[in-house]
Amino acid sequence: MPEQRRAERRRVERRVARPRLSTTREAVINAAKKFPLHGPLPNWTAIVEGRELPARAVLIKAAKVAQNNPTDSGEAAVVLSDLGFEVRFKGATIPSEDLPD
């Protein structure tokens, strides 16, 4: 049990230590206009201008950071939801209060 608590604490510390990407709603919309779709969609997606796009990829492009940025798809979904976009997990719409922290 104590080992599980330490593991949970490490996960929280990593999440807090990792800077959250910042961008604007307009930057996401502009990135989405030029976003090419290749292959199947990942688990986390966002609806931008009527298109369902990979949440992490569109956020990375909008924030203009490197592809190897440590932001994961769940975190990208939270940022996009905070900007007012509809976020989906495996095709189901997720309310903002149910998104990961």
PDB file of N, CA and C in Angstrom:
ATOM      1  N   MET A   1       0.812  -1.211   0.000  1.00  0.00           N
ATOM      2  CA  MET A   1       0.000   0.000   0.000  1.00  0.00           C
ATOM      3  C   MET A   1       0.855   1.276   0.000  1.00  0.00           C
ATOM      4  N   PRO A   2       1.898   1.381   0.872  1.00  0.00           N
ATOM      5  CA  PRO A   2       2.721   2.592   0.839  1.00  0.00           C
ATOM      6  C   PRO A   2       3.405   2.786  -0.511  1.00  0.00           C
ATOM      7  N   GLU A   3       3.795   1.684  -1.158  1.00  0.00           N
ATOM      8  CA  GLU A   3       4.446   1.788  -2.474  1.00  0.00           C
ATOM      9  C   GLU A   3       3.487   2.379  -3.499  1.00  0.00           C
ATOM     10  N   GLN A   4       2.214   2.007  -3.416  1.00  0.00           N
ATOM     11  CA  GLN A   4       1.215   2.545  -4.343  1.00  0.00           C
ATOM     12  C   GLN A   4       1.050   4.046  -4.127  1.00  0.00           C
ATOM     13  N   ARG A   5       1.056   4.477  -2.873  1.00  0.00           N
ATOM     14  CA  ARG A   5       0.936   5.914  -2.586  1.00  0.00           C
ATOM     15  C   ARG A   5       2.119   6.690  -3.145  1.00  0.00           C
ATOM     16  N   ARG A   6       3.321   6.100  -2.991  1.00  0.00           N
ATOM     17  CA  ARG A   6       4.501   6.774  -3.541  1.00  0.00           C
ATOM     18  C   ARG A   6       4.416   6.877  -5.058  1.00  0.00           C
ATOM     19  N   ALA A   7       3.941   5.833  -5.707  1.00  0.00           N
ATOM     20  CA  ALA A   7       3.800   5.850  -7.166  1.00  0.00           C
ATOM     21  C   ALA A   7       2.787   6.900  -7.591  1.00  0.00           C
ATOM     22  N   GLU A   8       1.668   6.991  -6.879  1.00  0.00           N
ATOM     23  CA  GLU A   8       0.667   8.007  -7.203  1.00  0.00           C
ATOM     24  C   GLU A   8       1.239   9.405  -7.013  1.00  0.00           C
ATOM     25  N   ARG A   9       2.001   9.598  -5.942  1.00  0.00           N
ATOM     26  CA  ARG A   9       2.600  10.903  -5.683  1.00  0.00           C
ATOM     27  C   ARG A   9       3.583  11.274  -6.785  1.00  0.00           C
ATOM     28  N   ARG A  10       4.382  10.293  -7.252  1.00  0.00           N
ATOM     29  CA  ARG A  10       5.330  10.570  -8.345  1.00  0.00           C
ATOM     30  C   ARG A  10       4.592  10.975  -9.616  1.00  0.00           C
ATOM     31  N   ARG A  11       3.473  10.307  -9.908  1.00  0.00           N
ATOM     32  CA  ARG A  11       2.696  10.673 -11.100  1.00  0.00           C
ATOM     33  C   ARG A  11       2.180  12.099 -10.990  1.00  0.00           C
ATOM     34  N   VAL A  12       1.681  12.468  -9.819  1.00  0.00           N
ATOM     35  CA  VAL A  12       1.181  13.827  -9.611  1.00  0.00           C
ATOM     36  C   VAL A  12       2.315  14.826  -9.734  1.00  0.00           C
ATOM     37  N   GLU A  13       3.461  14.526  -9.156  1.00  0.00           N
ATOM     38  CA  GLU A  13       4.595  15.436  -9.229  1.00  0.00           C
ATOM     39  C   GLU A  13       5.046  15.639 -10.671  1.00  0.00           C
ATOM     40  N   ARG A  14       5.077  14.562 -11.450  1.00  0.00           N
ATOM     41  CA  ARG A  14       5.445  14.693 -12.867  1.00  0.00           C
ATOM     42  C   ARG A  14       4.444  15.570 -13.601  1.00  0.00           C
ATOM     43  N   ARG A  15       3.154  15.363 -13.315  1.00  0.00           N
ATOM     44  CA  ARG A  15       2.112  16.122 -13.999  1.00  0.00           C
ATOM     45  C   ARG A  15       2.208  17.598 -13.643  1.00  0.00           C
ATOM     46  N   VAL A  16       2.487  17.908 -12.365  1.00  0.00           N
ATOM     47  CA  VAL A  16       2.589  19.293 -11.934  1.00  0.00           C
ATOM     48  C   VAL A  16       3.868  19.929 -12.471  1.00  0.00           C
ATOM     49  N   ALA A  17       4.961  19.163 -12.511  1.00  0.00           N
ATOM     50  CA  ALA A  17       6.238  19.696 -12.956  1.00  0.00           C
ATOM     51  C   ALA A  17       6.256  19.972 -14.456  1.00  0.00           C
ATOM     52  N   ARG A  18       5.442  19.238 -15.197  1.00  0.00           N
ATOM     53  CA  ARG A  18       5.434  19.383 -16.653  1.00  0.00           C
ATOM     54  C   ARG A  18       4.651  20.647 -17.028  1.00  0.00           C
ATOM     55  N   PRO A  19       5.268  21.550 -17.757  1.00  0.00           N
ATOM     56  CA  PRO A  19       4.545  22.767 -18.131  1.00  0.00           C
ATOM     57  C   PRO A  19       3.417  22.455 -19.110  1.00  0.00           C
ATOM     58  N   ARG A  20       2.293  23.055 -18.908  1.00  0.00           N
ATOM     59  CA  ARG A  20       1.147  22.881 -19.796  1.00  0.00           C
ATOM     60  C   ARG A  20       1.335  23.802 -21.001  1.00  0.00           C
ATOM     61  N   LEU A  21       1.057  23.274 -22.159  1.00  0.00           N
ATOM     62  CA  LEU A  21       1.187  24.088 -23.364  1.00  0.00           C
ATOM     63  C   LEU A  21       0.139  25.190 -23.345  1.00  0.00           C
ATOM     64  N   SER A  22       0.530  26.337 -23.821  1.00  0.00           N
ATOM     65  CA  SER A  22      -0.443  27.414 -23.913  1.00  0.00           C
ATOM     66  C   SER A  22      -0.542  27.870 -25.356  1.00  0.00           C
ATOM     67  N   THR A  23      -1.741  28.108 -25.756  1.00  0.00           N
ATOM     68  CA  THR A  23      -2.023  28.588 -27.098  1.00  0.00           C
ATOM     69  C   THR A  23      -3.387  29.270 -27.056  1.00  0.00           C
ATOM     70  N   THR A  24      -3.811  29.774 -28.171  1.00  0.00           N
ATOM     71  CA  THR A  24      -5.107  30.440 -28.227  1.00  0.00           C
ATOM     72  C   THR A  24      -6.079  29.625 -29.064  1.00  0.00           C
ATOM     73  N   ARG A  25      -7.344  29.919 -28.902  1.00  0.00           N
ATOM     74  CA  ARG A  25      -8.377  29.259 -29.690  1.00  0.00           C
ATOM     75  C   ARG A  25      -8.149  29.509 -31.185  1.00  0.00           C
ATOM     76  N   GLU A  26      -7.778  30.738 -31.526  1.00  0.00           N
ATOM     77  CA  GLU A  26      -7.544  31.094 -32.929  1.00  0.00           C
ATOM     78  C   GLU A  26      -6.372  30.312 -33.519  1.00  0.00           C
ATOM     79  N   ALA A  27      -5.320  30.114 -32.727  1.00  0.00           N
ATOM     80  CA  ALA A  27      -4.170  29.352 -33.212  1.00  0.00           C
ATOM     81  C   ALA A  27      -4.559  27.899 -33.478  1.00  0.00           C
ATOM     82  N   VAL A  28      -5.415  27.336 -32.636  1.00  0.00           N
ATOM     83  CA  VAL A  28      -5.875  25.956 -32.842  1.00  0.00           C
ATOM     84  C   VAL A  28      -6.711  25.874 -34.116  1.00  0.00           C
ATOM     85  N   ILE A  29      -7.593  26.832 -34.323  1.00  0.00           N
ATOM     86  CA  ILE A  29      -8.435  26.844 -35.530  1.00  0.00           C
ATOM     87  C   ILE A  29      -7.567  26.974 -36.777  1.00  0.00           C
ATOM     88  N   ASN A  30      -6.573  27.843 -36.737  1.00  0.00           N
ATOM     89  CA  ASN A  30      -5.676  28.004 -37.894  1.00  0.00           C
ATOM     90  C   ASN A  30      -4.866  26.736 -38.146  1.00  0.00           C
ATOM     91  N   ALA A  31      -4.387  26.096 -37.091  1.00  0.00           N
ATOM     92  CA  ALA A  31      -3.635  24.849 -37.250  1.00  0.00           C
ATOM     93  C   ALA A  31      -4.527  23.759 -37.818  1.00  0.00           C
ATOM     94  N   ALA A  32      -5.775  23.727 -37.406  1.00  0.00           N
ATOM     95  CA  ALA A  32      -6.711  22.694 -37.864  1.00  0.00           C
ATOM     96  C   ALA A  32      -7.037  22.847 -39.347  1.00  0.00           C
ATOM     97  N   LYS A  33      -7.060  24.071 -39.839  1.00  0.00           N
ATOM     98  CA  LYS A  33      -7.371  24.302 -41.254  1.00  0.00           C
ATOM     99  C   LYS A  33      -6.341  23.639 -42.163  1.00  0.00           C
ATOM    100  N   LYS A  34      -5.087  23.603 -41.728  1.00  0.00           N
ATOM    101  CA  LYS A  34      -4.007  23.059 -42.549  1.00  0.00           C
ATOM    102  C   LYS A  34      -3.604  21.650 -42.118  1.00  0.00           C
ATOM    103  N   PHE A  35      -4.373  21.058 -41.217  1.00  0.00           N
ATOM    104  CA  PHE A  35      -3.971  19.782 -40.634  1.00  0.00           C
ATOM    105  C   PHE A  35      -4.321  18.620 -41.558  1.00  0.00           C
ATOM    106  N   PRO A  36      -3.314  17.837 -41.975  1.00  0.00           N
ATOM    107  CA  PRO A  36      -3.594  16.682 -42.825  1.00  0.00           C
ATOM    108  C   PRO A  36      -3.995  15.475 -41.971  1.00  0.00           C
ATOM    109  N   LEU A  37      -4.951  14.711 -42.441  1.00  0.00           N
ATOM    110  CA  LEU A  37      -5.347  13.492 -41.740  1.00  0.00           C
ATOM    111  C   LEU A  37      -4.771  12.279 -42.451  1.00  0.00           C
ATOM    112  N   HIS A  38      -4.053  11.465 -41.681  1.00  0.00           N
ATOM    113  CA  HIS A  38      -3.459  10.244 -42.217  1.00  0.00           C
ATOM    114  C   HIS A  38      -3.773   9.103 -41.267  1.00  0.00           C
ATOM    115  N   GLY A  39      -4.373   8.077 -41.757  1.00  0.00           N
ATOM    116  CA  GLY A  39      -4.612   6.890 -40.944  1.00  0.00           C
ATOM    117  C   GLY A  39      -5.734   7.047 -39.939  1.00  0.00           C
ATOM    118  N   PRO A  40      -5.854   6.071 -39.050  1.00  0.00           N
ATOM    119  CA  PRO A  40      -6.934   6.087 -38.061  1.00  0.00           C
ATOM    120  C   PRO A  40      -6.691   7.144 -36.982  1.00  0.00           C
ATOM    121  N   LEU A  41      -7.771   7.596 -36.379  1.00  0.00           N
ATOM    122  CA  LEU A  41      -7.667   8.590 -35.313  1.00  0.00           C
ATOM    123  C   LEU A  41      -7.259   7.923 -34.003  1.00  0.00           C
ATOM    124  N   PRO A  42      -6.521   8.645 -33.162  1.00  0.00           N
ATOM    125  CA  PRO A  42      -6.155   8.099 -31.851  1.00  0.00           C
ATOM    126  C   PRO A  42      -7.355   8.137 -30.899  1.00  0.00           C
ATOM    127  N   ASN A  43      -7.152   7.699 -29.666  1.00  0.00           N
ATOM    128  CA  ASN A  43      -8.238   7.682 -28.691  1.00  0.00           C
ATOM    129  C   ASN A  43      -8.785   9.074 -28.386  1.00  0.00           C
ATOM    130  N   TRP A  44      -7.907  10.034 -28.122  1.00  0.00           N
ATOM    131  CA  TRP A  44      -8.335  11.397 -27.789  1.00  0.00           C
ATOM    132  C   TRP A  44      -8.388  12.257 -29.048  1.00  0.00           C
ATOM    133  N   THR A  45      -9.548  12.832 -29.297  1.00  0.00           N
ATOM    134  CA  THR A  45      -9.718  13.716 -30.453  1.00  0.00           C
ATOM    135  C   THR A  45     -10.459  14.974 -30.014  1.00  0.00           C
ATOM    136  N   ALA A  46     -10.432  15.968 -30.881  1.00  0.00           N
ATOM    137  CA  ALA A  46     -11.156  17.210 -30.633  1.00  0.00           C
ATOM    138  C   ALA A  46     -11.868  17.619 -31.916  1.00  0.00           C
ATOM    139  N   ILE A  47     -13.023  18.223 -31.764  1.00  0.00           N
ATOM    140  CA  ILE A  47     -13.775  18.732 -32.911  1.00  0.00           C
ATOM    141  C   ILE A  47     -13.407  20.195 -33.092  1.00  0.00           C
ATOM    142  N   VAL A  48     -12.764  20.491 -34.224  1.00  0.00           N
ATOM    143  CA  VAL A  48     -12.341  21.853 -34.535  1.00  0.00           C
ATOM    144  C   VAL A  48     -12.883  22.201 -35.911  1.00  0.00           C
ATOM    145  N   GLU A  49     -13.734  23.208 -35.952  1.00  0.00           N
ATOM    146  CA  GLU A  49     -14.334  23.637 -37.219  1.00  0.00           C
ATOM    147  C   GLU A  49     -15.011  22.473 -37.943  1.00  0.00           C
ATOM    148  N   GLY A  50     -15.680  21.618 -37.192  1.00  0.00           N
ATOM    149  CA  GLY A  50     -16.426  20.512 -37.780  1.00  0.00           C
ATOM    150  C   GLY A  50     -15.604  19.293 -38.147  1.00  0.00           C
ATOM    151  N   ARG A  51     -14.300  19.328 -37.905  1.00  0.00           N
ATOM    152  CA  ARG A  51     -13.430  18.185 -38.210  1.00  0.00           C
ATOM    153  C   ARG A  51     -12.976  17.524 -36.920  1.00  0.00           C
ATOM    154  N   GLU A  52     -12.979  16.196 -36.905  1.00  0.00           N
ATOM    155  CA  GLU A  52     -12.457  15.467 -35.758  1.00  0.00           C
ATOM    156  C   GLU A  52     -10.970  15.232 -35.996  1.00  0.00           C
ATOM    157  N   LEU A  53     -10.142  15.786 -35.098  1.00  0.00           N
ATOM    158  CA  LEU A  53      -8.694  15.749 -35.267  1.00  0.00           C
ATOM    159  C   LEU A  53      -8.023  15.181 -34.033  1.00  0.00           C
ATOM    160  N   PRO A  54      -6.816  14.630 -34.171  1.00  0.00           N
ATOM    161  CA  PRO A  54      -6.072  14.132 -33.011  1.00  0.00           C
ATOM    162  C   PRO A  54      -5.762  15.278 -32.046  1.00  0.00           C
ATOM    163  N   ALA A  55      -6.155  15.142 -30.799  1.00  0.00           N
ATOM    164  CA  ALA A  55      -6.023  16.228 -29.824  1.00  0.00           C
ATOM    165  C   ALA A  55      -4.567  16.667 -29.644  1.00  0.00           C
ATOM    166  N   ARG A  56      -3.682  15.728 -29.401  1.00  0.00           N
ATOM    167  CA  ARG A  56      -2.293  16.086 -29.137  1.00  0.00           C
ATOM    168  C   ARG A  56      -1.637  16.719 -30.364  1.00  0.00           C
ATOM    169  N   ALA A  57      -1.830  16.118 -31.502  1.00  0.00           N
ATOM    170  CA  ALA A  57      -1.162  16.605 -32.718  1.00  0.00           C
ATOM    171  C   ALA A  57      -1.599  18.020 -33.084  1.00  0.00           C
ATOM    172  N   VAL A  58      -2.885  18.295 -32.988  1.00  0.00           N
ATOM    173  CA  VAL A  58      -3.353  19.636 -33.355  1.00  0.00           C
ATOM    174  C   VAL A  58      -2.896  20.666 -32.317  1.00  0.00           C
ATOM    175  N   LEU A  59      -2.838  20.274 -31.042  1.00  0.00           N
ATOM    176  CA  LEU A  59      -2.357  21.205 -30.019  1.00  0.00           C
ATOM    177  C   LEU A  59      -0.871  21.486 -30.185  1.00  0.00           C
ATOM    178  N   ILE A  60      -0.082  20.459 -30.469  1.00  0.00           N
ATOM    179  CA  ILE A  60       1.359  20.632 -30.696  1.00  0.00           C
ATOM    180  C   ILE A  60       1.597  21.583 -31.864  1.00  0.00           C
ATOM    181  N   LYS A  61       0.827  21.404 -32.927  1.00  0.00           N
ATOM    182  CA  LYS A  61       0.979  22.274 -34.103  1.00  0.00           C
ATOM    183  C   LYS A  61       0.564  23.710 -33.786  1.00  0.00           C
ATOM    184  N   ALA A  62      -0.535  23.876 -33.044  1.00  0.00           N
ATOM    185  CA  ALA A  62      -1.018  25.210 -32.710  1.00  0.00           C
ATOM    186  C   ALA A  62      -0.061  25.931 -31.762  1.00  0.00           C
ATOM    187  N   ALA A  63       0.530  25.192 -30.820  1.00  0.00           N
ATOM    188  CA  ALA A  63       1.440  25.800 -29.854  1.00  0.00           C
ATOM    189  C   ALA A  63       2.837  26.019 -30.433  1.00  0.00           C
ATOM    190  N   LYS A  64       3.084  25.452 -31.609  1.00  0.00           N
ATOM    191  CA  LYS A  64       4.363  25.589 -32.306  1.00  0.00           C
ATOM    192  C   LYS A  64       5.532  25.103 -31.449  1.00  0.00           C
ATOM    193  N   VAL A  65       5.379  23.867 -30.950  1.00  0.00           N
ATOM    194  CA  VAL A  65       6.450  23.233 -30.194  1.00  0.00           C
ATOM    195  C   VAL A  65       6.867  21.961 -30.917  1.00  0.00           C
ATOM    196  N   ALA A  66       7.986  21.381 -30.493  1.00  0.00           N
ATOM    197  CA  ALA A  66       8.518  20.176 -31.128  1.00  0.00           C
ATOM    198  C   ALA A  66       7.596  18.981 -30.915  1.00  0.00           C
ATOM    199  N   GLN A  67       7.610  18.057 -31.863  1.00  0.00           N
ATOM    200  CA  GLN A  67       6.787  16.853 -31.784  1.00  0.00           C
ATOM    201  C   GLN A  67       7.136  15.996 -30.575  1.00  0.00           C
ATOM    202  N   ASN A  68       8.358  16.095 -30.063  1.00  0.00           N
ATOM    203  CA  ASN A  68       8.747  15.287 -28.913  1.00  0.00           C
ATOM    204  C   ASN A  68       8.395  15.947 -27.582  1.00  0.00           C
ATOM    205  N   ASN A  69       7.552  16.960 -27.601  1.00  0.00           N
ATOM    206  CA  ASN A  69       7.076  17.591 -26.374  1.00  0.00           C
ATOM    207  C   ASN A  69       6.410  16.537 -25.495  1.00  0.00           C
ATOM    208  N   PRO A  70       6.635  16.568 -24.170  1.00  0.00           N
ATOM    209  CA  PRO A  70       6.103  15.516 -23.297  1.00  0.00           C
ATOM    210  C   PRO A  70       4.602  15.559 -23.038  1.00  0.00           C
ATOM    211  N   THR A  71       3.903  16.495 -23.607  1.00  0.00           N
ATOM    212  CA  THR A  71       2.452  16.561 -23.404  1.00  0.00           C
ATOM    213  C   THR A  71       1.802  15.312 -23.974  1.00  0.00           C
ATOM    214  N   ASP A  72       0.961  14.650 -23.163  1.00  0.00           N
ATOM    215  CA  ASP A  72       0.272  13.465 -23.678  1.00  0.00           C
ATOM    216  C   ASP A  72      -1.118  13.844 -24.179  1.00  0.00           C
ATOM    217  N   SER A  73      -1.797  12.899 -24.772  1.00  0.00           N
ATOM    218  CA  SER A  73      -3.095  13.168 -25.393  1.00  0.00           C
ATOM    219  C   SER A  73      -4.153  13.610 -24.397  1.00  0.00           C
ATOM    220  N   GLY A  74      -4.143  13.034 -23.204  1.00  0.00           N
ATOM    221  CA  GLY A  74      -5.108  13.427 -22.174  1.00  0.00           C
ATOM    222  C   GLY A  74      -4.923  14.875 -21.759  1.00  0.00           C
ATOM    223  N   GLU A  75      -3.665  15.291 -21.601  1.00  0.00           N
ATOM    224  CA  GLU A  75      -3.385  16.688 -21.255  1.00  0.00           C
ATOM    225  C   GLU A  75      -3.790  17.617 -22.390  1.00  0.00           C
ATOM    226  N   ALA A  76      -3.533  17.209 -23.609  1.00  0.00           N
ATOM    227  CA  ALA A  76      -3.939  18.016 -24.763  1.00  0.00           C
ATOM    228  C   ALA A  76      -5.452  18.167 -24.802  1.00  0.00           C
ATOM    229  N   ALA A  77      -6.167  17.099 -24.469  1.00  0.00           N
ATOM    230  CA  ALA A  77      -7.629  17.155 -24.446  1.00  0.00           C
ATOM    231  C   ALA A  77      -8.117  18.166 -23.420  1.00  0.00           C
ATOM    232  N   VAL A  78      -7.465  18.225 -22.267  1.00  0.00           N
ATOM    233  CA  VAL A  78      -7.847  19.184 -21.231  1.00  0.00           C
ATOM    234  C   VAL A  78      -7.635  20.615 -21.728  1.00  0.00           C
ATOM    235  N   VAL A  79      -6.481  20.871 -22.344  1.00  0.00           N
ATOM    236  CA  VAL A  79      -6.186  22.219 -22.858  1.00  0.00           C
ATOM    237  C   VAL A  79      -7.212  22.611 -23.923  1.00  0.00           C
ATOM    238  N   LEU A  80      -7.498  21.696 -24.843  1.00  0.00           N
ATOM    239  CA  LEU A  80      -8.462  22.010 -25.907  1.00  0.00           C
ATOM    240  C   LEU A  80      -9.865  22.207 -25.346  1.00  0.00           C
ATOM    241  N   SER A  81     -10.226  21.438 -24.343  1.00  0.00           N
ATOM    242  CA  SER A  81     -11.525  21.616 -23.705  1.00  0.00           C
ATOM    243  C   SER A  81     -11.604  22.976 -23.020  1.00  0.00           C
ATOM    244  N   ASP A  82     -10.509  23.367 -22.353  1.00  0.00           N
ATOM    245  CA  ASP A  82     -10.464  24.679 -21.706  1.00  0.00           C
ATOM    246  C   ASP A  82     -10.613  25.816 -22.721  1.00  0.00           C
ATOM    247  N   LEU A  83     -10.185  25.562 -23.954  1.00  0.00           N
ATOM    248  CA  LEU A  83     -10.326  26.570 -25.013  1.00  0.00           C
ATOM    249  C   LEU A  83     -11.705  26.535 -25.657  1.00  0.00           C
ATOM    250  N   GLY A  84     -12.555  25.597 -25.230  1.00  0.00           N
ATOM    251  CA  GLY A  84     -13.931  25.567 -25.712  1.00  0.00           C
ATOM    252  C   GLY A  84     -14.222  24.567 -26.815  1.00  0.00           C
ATOM    253  N   PHE A  85     -13.298  23.669 -27.101  1.00  0.00           N
ATOM    254  CA  PHE A  85     -13.530  22.673 -28.141  1.00  0.00           C
ATOM    255  C   PHE A  85     -14.165  21.423 -27.546  1.00  0.00           C
ATOM    256  N   GLU A  86     -14.961  20.747 -28.343  1.00  0.00           N
ATOM    257  CA  GLU A  86     -15.543  19.470 -27.935  1.00  0.00           C
ATOM    258  C   GLU A  86     -14.441  18.418 -27.988  1.00  0.00           C
ATOM    259  N   VAL A  87     -14.324  17.646 -26.919  1.00  0.00           N
ATOM    260  CA  VAL A  87     -13.288  16.623 -26.821  1.00  0.00           C
ATOM    261  C   VAL A  87     -13.950  15.252 -26.764  1.00  0.00           C
ATOM    262  N   ARG A  88     -13.363  14.293 -27.467  1.00  0.00           N
ATOM    263  CA  ARG A  88     -13.895  12.928 -27.499  1.00  0.00           C
ATOM    264  C   ARG A  88     -12.822  11.919 -27.120  1.00  0.00           C
ATOM    265  N   PHE A  89     -13.284  10.837 -26.482  1.00  0.00           N
ATOM    266  CA  PHE A  89     -12.416   9.702 -26.191  1.00  0.00           C
ATOM    267  C   PHE A  89     -13.046   8.489 -26.854  1.00  0.00           C
ATOM    268  N   LYS A  90     -12.325   7.911 -27.793  1.00  0.00           N
ATOM    269  CA  LYS A  90     -12.813   6.772 -28.578  1.00  0.00           C
ATOM    270  C   LYS A  90     -14.189   7.059 -29.175  1.00  0.00           C
ATOM    271  N   GLY A  91     -14.371   8.282 -29.653  1.00  0.00           N
ATOM    272  CA  GLY A  91     -15.602   8.651 -30.345  1.00  0.00           C
ATOM    273  C   GLY A  91     -16.712   9.174 -29.462  1.00  0.00           C
ATOM    274  N   ALA A  92     -16.612   9.013 -28.135  1.00  0.00           N
ATOM    275  CA  ALA A  92     -17.655   9.486 -27.217  1.00  0.00           C
ATOM    276  C   ALA A  92     -17.267  10.855 -26.666  1.00  0.00           C
ATOM    277  N   THR A  93     -18.197  11.805 -26.699  1.00  0.00           N
ATOM    278  CA  THR A  93     -17.947  13.138 -26.175  1.00  0.00           C
ATOM    279  C   THR A  93     -17.754  13.062 -24.664  1.00  0.00           C
ATOM    280  N   ILE A  94     -16.719  13.747 -24.181  1.00  0.00           N
ATOM    281  CA  ILE A  94     -16.383  13.740 -22.767  1.00  0.00           C
ATOM    282  C   ILE A  94     -16.631  15.138 -22.192  1.00  0.00           C
ATOM    283  N   PRO A  95     -17.506  15.255 -21.169  1.00  0.00           N
ATOM    284  CA  PRO A  95     -17.688  16.560 -20.520  1.00  0.00           C
ATOM    285  C   PRO A  95     -16.398  17.011 -19.855  1.00  0.00           C
ATOM    286  N   SER A  96     -16.167  18.314 -19.795  1.00  0.00           N
ATOM    287  CA  SER A  96     -14.905  18.826 -19.261  1.00  0.00           C
ATOM    288  C   SER A  96     -14.637  18.386 -17.826  1.00  0.00           C
ATOM    289  N   GLU A  97     -15.697  18.192 -17.023  1.00  0.00           N
ATOM    290  CA  GLU A  97     -15.478  17.774 -15.637  1.00  0.00           C
ATOM    291  C   GLU A  97     -15.005  16.322 -15.527  1.00  0.00           C
ATOM    292  N   ASP A  98     -15.151  15.543 -16.597  1.00  0.00           N
ATOM    293  CA  ASP A  98     -14.719  14.146 -16.588  1.00  0.00           C
ATOM    294  C   ASP A  98     -13.340  13.936 -17.216  1.00  0.00           C
ATOM    295  N   LEU A  99     -12.682  15.020 -17.642  1.00  0.00           N
ATOM    296  CA  LEU A  99     -11.364  14.895 -18.246  1.00  0.00           C
ATOM    297  C   LEU A  99     -10.309  14.633 -17.183  1.00  0.00           C
ATOM    298  N   PRO A 100      -9.190  14.009 -17.564  1.00  0.00           N
ATOM    299  CA  PRO A 100      -8.132  13.749 -16.581  1.00  0.00           C
ATOM    300  C   PRO A 100      -7.547  15.054 -16.061  1.00  0.00           C
ATOM    301  N   ASP A 101      -7.016  15.013 -14.848  1.00  0.00           N
ATOM    302  CA  ASP A 101      -6.397  16.211 -14.250  1.00  0.00           C
ATOM    303  C   ASP A 101      -5.048  16.477 -14.836  1.00  0.00           C
TER     304      ASP A 101
END
